Amino acid sequence: MKEKIYLIPGLMTDNRLWSRLKPHLEDEYELIHFQLPPCENFDEIAELLDKKIGNDKVNLLGFSLGGYVATHYSLKYPQKVKRLFLVSSTPSSTEDKDIPRRQKKLQEAKENEFSPLSLEKAKDLLEIKEDEELIHIVANMFNDLGRETFIPQLSSTLKRVNLFDDLIKLDIPISFYYSSEDRLLNHTAINAILQKEHKMRVISRKGESHNIPLEFSKELSFEIQRWMKSE
C-alpha cells in the first residue's frame, strides 16, 4: 500500500496546481488533493480536513496559504500528522505592510469590483514566462474559482496569527521549500526561522518562483522524496 500525502493548495489555486508534480510522485505515493473551502475560519477548515483524513495518520504538504492551513491542522491535531512540508509558505501572520493592500482588494471584491486575472498578470506571477500552458493554468485557476472563493480566502489571510513558536515544538519531520526572491513570501518570517534554533529543514532555491509546484516540479519532487524518507 502506498503511503499517502495530502496536498493542500493556496489562495485561488486548485488541483491543477499539482498537475506537473504528480507524474514525479504518483508511482510511489498516493496523492490526495484537499481543496480549500470558501471559508475564512481556520478551525473550520481544519475540521473539514480532519473529516477527509478520517482515522489516518498522514503526511501534509501545503502550498502558500495551504501551508498555513497545514500548520494550523498539525497543531490542532498533532496526533494525526506524521510529517509536514511547506512550499512557498510560512507559519506566520500577514506582514503589516501587506494588510492595507489586501483590505483594499477585499473591499473592492465585496463591492463587485472583482477583476479576473489576465494572461499578462498571470505571466507576471511566474518565473518561467515563456510557458504558455503554465500561464493559462495560473489564470484559469484564479478565474474559475472566482469572486465567491476570493473573498473568504483573502479575508482568512488577515486573520493569521504567528504559529512558529508552537510549530517548533512538534516532534515530526518538517521541511520548508521556497524561492530566495519570491515577492509573495514573508521573508521577515523566513529570516526569523533561520535565526532560531530548531530541527526543521529549511531549503531555498535561487529564483523568484512562488508557484514552485508548477514551475519547478521535478526539483520539488526530490525534496518531497527526501522528506518522506525522514523519521
Protein backbone atom coordinates (compact mmCIF):
# COMPACT_ATOMS: atom_id res chain seq x y z
CA MET A 1 0.00 0.00 0.00
CA LYS A 2 1.33 3.44 -0.97
CA GLU A 3 1.91 6.00 1.74
CA LYS A 4 -0.45 8.97 1.48
CA ILE A 5 0.47 12.62 1.01
CA TYR A 6 -2.34 15.17 1.42
CA LEU A 7 -1.84 18.15 -0.88
CA ILE A 8 -3.34 21.49 0.16
CA PRO A 9 -3.26 24.31 -2.43
CA GLY A 10 -3.11 28.04 -1.75
CA LEU A 11 -5.09 31.18 -2.43
CA MET A 12 -7.09 30.86 -5.67
CA THR A 13 -5.48 27.59 -6.71
CA ASP A 14 -6.93 24.09 -7.08
CA ASN A 15 -5.91 20.57 -8.10
CA ARG A 16 -4.34 21.94 -11.31
CA LEU A 17 -1.54 23.27 -9.10
CA TRP A 18 -0.25 19.68 -8.76
CA SER A 19 -0.61 18.69 -12.42
CA ARG A 20 3.13 18.80 -13.13
CA LEU A 21 4.21 17.45 -9.75
CA LYS A 22 2.06 14.31 -9.74
CA PRO A 23 3.90 12.45 -12.53
CA HIS A 24 7.09 12.59 -10.43
CA LEU A 25 5.46 11.15 -7.30
CA GLU A 26 2.29 9.18 -8.03
CA ASP A 27 4.07 5.87 -8.74
CA GLU A 28 5.50 5.91 -5.23
CA TYR A 29 2.86 7.72 -3.16
CA GLU A 30 -0.91 8.12 -3.02
CA LEU A 31 -1.52 11.82 -3.59
CA ILE A 32 -4.77 13.19 -2.16
CA HIS A 33 -5.91 16.71 -3.01
CA PHE A 34 -7.80 18.76 -0.42
CA GLN A 35 -9.45 21.83 -1.90
CA LEU A 36 -9.53 24.85 0.37
CA PRO A 37 -13.19 25.63 1.06
CA PRO A 38 -14.61 29.16 0.67
CA CYS A 39 -14.14 29.76 4.38
CA GLU A 40 -12.18 32.27 6.44
CA ASN A 41 -12.08 30.38 9.76
CA PHE A 42 -9.00 28.19 10.14
CA ASP A 43 -10.60 25.99 12.82
CA GLU A 44 -13.49 25.20 10.46
CA ILE A 45 -11.09 24.44 7.61
CA ALA A 46 -9.10 22.12 9.90
CA GLU A 47 -12.28 20.30 10.88
CA LEU A 48 -13.21 19.76 7.22
CA LEU A 49 -9.71 18.46 6.51
CA ASP A 50 -9.94 16.15 9.51
CA LYS A 51 -13.19 14.68 8.18
CA LYS A 52 -11.43 13.91 4.90
CA ILE A 53 -8.43 12.38 6.67
CA GLY A 54 -10.54 10.22 8.97
CA ASN A 55 -8.54 7.89 11.19
CA ASP A 56 -5.33 8.08 9.17
CA LYS A 57 -2.04 9.48 10.40
CA VAL A 58 -0.87 11.48 7.43
CA ASN A 59 1.80 13.48 5.65
CA LEU A 60 0.69 17.04 4.89
CA LEU A 61 2.09 19.19 2.10
CA GLY A 62 0.75 22.73 1.87
CA PHE A 63 1.42 25.44 -0.69
CA SER A 64 1.32 29.13 0.26
CA LEU A 65 -1.96 29.69 2.20
CA GLY A 66 -2.35 25.91 2.17
CA GLY A 67 0.90 25.66 4.10
CA TYR A 68 -0.57 27.81 6.85
CA VAL A 69 -3.68 25.61 6.86
CA ALA A 70 -1.47 22.50 7.10
CA THR A 71 0.42 24.04 10.01
CA HIS A 72 -2.80 25.00 11.80
CA TYR A 73 -4.10 21.45 11.34
CA SER A 74 -0.82 19.96 12.62
CA LEU A 75 -1.10 21.99 15.82
CA LYS A 76 -4.80 21.26 16.29
CA TYR A 77 -4.46 17.51 15.60
CA PRO A 78 -0.78 16.71 16.30
CA GLN A 79 -1.50 13.04 16.88
CA LYS A 80 -2.70 12.70 13.25
CA VAL A 81 0.32 14.17 11.44
CA LYS A 82 3.47 12.20 10.58
CA ARG A 83 5.29 14.84 8.54
CA LEU A 84 4.74 18.44 7.41
CA PHE A 85 6.07 20.15 4.26
CA LEU A 86 5.52 23.84 3.46
CA VAL A 87 6.08 25.16 -0.08
CA SER A 88 6.33 28.95 -0.63
CA SER A 89 4.77 29.35 2.80
CA THR A 90 5.45 30.48 6.35
CA PRO A 91 3.54 29.76 9.60
CA SER A 92 3.28 33.48 10.27
CA SER A 93 0.81 36.32 10.43
CA THR A 94 0.42 38.55 7.38
CA GLU A 95 3.02 41.33 7.33
CA ASP A 96 1.73 44.74 8.41
CA LYS A 97 2.87 46.31 5.13
CA ASP A 98 0.62 43.94 3.15
CA ILE A 99 -2.56 44.41 5.19
CA PRO A 100 -3.81 47.72 3.67
CA ARG A 101 -3.43 46.40 0.12
CA ARG A 102 -5.31 43.21 0.97
CA GLN A 103 -8.05 45.13 2.77
CA LYS A 104 -8.46 47.33 -0.31
CA LYS A 105 -8.71 44.32 -2.64
CA LEU A 106 -11.18 42.67 -0.28
CA GLN A 107 -13.40 45.75 -0.15
CA GLU A 108 -13.31 46.08 -3.94
CA ALA A 109 -14.33 42.44 -4.37
CA LYS A 110 -17.19 42.85 -1.90
CA GLU A 111 -18.39 45.84 -3.92
CA ASN A 112 -18.49 43.69 -7.07
CA GLU A 113 -15.26 45.16 -8.41
CA PHE A 114 -13.62 41.75 -8.73
CA SER A 115 -11.17 41.67 -11.64
CA PRO A 116 -10.33 38.42 -13.47
CA LEU A 117 -6.64 37.55 -13.73
CA SER A 118 -5.42 38.43 -17.21
CA LEU A 119 -2.81 36.34 -19.01
CA GLU A 120 -0.41 39.26 -18.73
CA LYS A 121 -0.86 39.44 -14.94
CA ALA A 122 -0.58 35.64 -14.66
CA LYS A 123 2.68 35.81 -16.61
CA ASP A 124 3.99 38.43 -14.19
CA LEU A 125 3.42 35.98 -11.32
CA LEU A 126 5.73 33.41 -12.90
CA GLU A 127 9.48 32.97 -13.09
CA ILE A 128 9.18 30.97 -16.34
CA LYS A 129 7.48 33.48 -18.60
CA GLU A 130 7.65 31.69 -21.95
CA ASP A 131 5.49 28.69 -21.00
CA GLU A 132 2.07 29.49 -22.45
CA GLU A 133 0.38 26.41 -20.93
CA LEU A 134 1.64 27.41 -17.49
CA ILE A 135 0.36 30.96 -17.87
CA HIS A 136 -3.09 29.65 -18.81
CA ILE A 137 -3.15 27.24 -15.83
CA VAL A 138 -2.47 30.07 -13.37
CA ALA A 139 -5.05 32.40 -14.95
CA ASN A 140 -7.70 29.69 -15.31
CA MET A 141 -7.42 28.54 -11.70
CA PHE A 142 -7.96 32.09 -10.45
CA ASN A 143 -10.78 32.90 -12.83
CA ASP A 144 -12.62 29.59 -12.43
CA LEU A 145 -12.60 29.89 -8.62
CA GLY A 146 -13.81 33.47 -8.92
CA ARG A 147 -15.15 36.07 -6.55
CA GLU A 148 -17.04 33.69 -4.23
CA THR A 149 -13.79 31.94 -3.37
CA PHE A 150 -11.56 35.01 -3.45
CA ILE A 151 -13.42 36.95 -0.74
CA PRO A 152 -13.30 34.37 2.09
CA GLN A 153 -9.81 33.15 1.19
CA LEU A 154 -8.31 36.65 1.12
CA SER A 155 -10.21 37.51 4.30
CA SER A 156 -8.66 34.50 6.03
CA THR A 157 -5.16 35.84 5.37
CA LEU A 158 -5.98 38.86 7.54
CA LYS A 159 -6.77 36.54 10.46
CA ARG A 160 -3.48 34.67 10.53
CA VAL A 161 -1.50 34.54 13.77
CA ASN A 162 2.11 33.51 14.17
CA LEU A 163 2.31 29.75 14.74
CA PHE A 164 6.09 29.37 14.60
CA ASP A 165 6.80 29.01 18.33
CA ASP A 166 4.21 26.24 18.62
CA LEU A 167 5.34 24.59 15.39
CA ILE A 168 8.93 24.05 16.51
CA LYS A 169 7.65 22.07 19.49
CA LEU A 170 6.23 19.37 17.20
CA ASP A 171 8.40 16.27 17.11
CA ILE A 172 7.87 15.42 13.44
CA PRO A 173 9.93 15.95 10.27
CA ILE A 174 9.15 19.45 8.97
CA SER A 175 10.51 20.94 5.74
CA PHE A 176 10.27 24.39 4.16
CA TYR A 177 10.99 24.92 0.47
CA TYR A 178 10.93 28.38 -1.05
CA SER A 179 12.50 30.70 -3.64
CA SER A 180 15.04 33.23 -2.40
CA GLU A 181 13.47 36.12 -4.36
CA ASP A 182 9.78 35.18 -4.06
CA ARG A 183 7.90 38.51 -3.92
CA LEU A 184 4.81 36.89 -2.38
CA LEU A 185 6.65 35.24 0.52
CA ASN A 186 7.05 36.69 4.01
CA HIS A 187 10.84 36.91 4.09
CA THR A 188 10.78 38.55 7.53
CA ALA A 189 9.27 35.31 8.84
CA ILE A 190 11.78 33.20 6.91
CA ASN A 191 14.67 35.19 8.40
CA ALA A 192 13.22 34.69 11.89
CA ILE A 193 13.03 30.94 11.24
CA LEU A 194 16.66 30.88 10.07
CA GLN A 195 17.84 32.70 13.19
CA LYS A 196 16.13 30.42 15.71
CA GLU A 197 17.26 27.03 16.90
CA HIS A 198 15.05 24.20 15.65
CA LYS A 199 15.14 20.83 13.90
CA MET A 200 13.19 21.85 10.82
CA ARG A 201 14.75 21.61 7.38
CA VAL A 202 14.73 24.93 5.52
CA ILE A 203 15.64 24.76 1.82
CA SER A 204 15.81 27.72 -0.54
CA ARG A 205 16.23 27.68 -4.29
CA LYS A 206 17.69 30.64 -6.18
CA GLY A 207 14.92 32.37 -8.09
CA GLU A 208 11.63 34.21 -7.72
CA SER A 209 9.06 31.47 -8.30
CA HIS A 210 6.11 31.33 -5.94
CA ASN A 211 4.31 28.65 -7.96
CA ILE A 212 7.07 26.10 -7.41
CA PRO A 213 4.81 23.01 -7.79
CA LEU A 214 4.05 24.09 -11.35
CA GLU A 215 7.32 25.71 -12.39
CA PHE A 216 9.92 23.52 -10.71
CA SER A 217 8.05 20.30 -10.04
CA LYS A 218 10.98 17.93 -10.59
CA GLU A 219 13.25 19.75 -8.13
CA LEU A 220 10.40 19.91 -5.63
CA SER A 221 9.72 16.18 -6.02
CA PHE A 222 13.31 15.39 -4.98
CA GLU A 223 12.84 17.32 -1.73
CA ILE A 224 9.49 15.65 -1.10
CA GLN A 225 11.02 12.21 -1.55
CA ARG A 226 13.80 13.13 0.85
CA TRP A 227 11.22 14.41 3.37
CA MET A 228 9.19 11.21 3.06
CA LYS A 229 12.25 9.16 3.99
CA SER A 230 12.85 11.18 7.16
CA GLU A 231 11.76 9.92 10.56
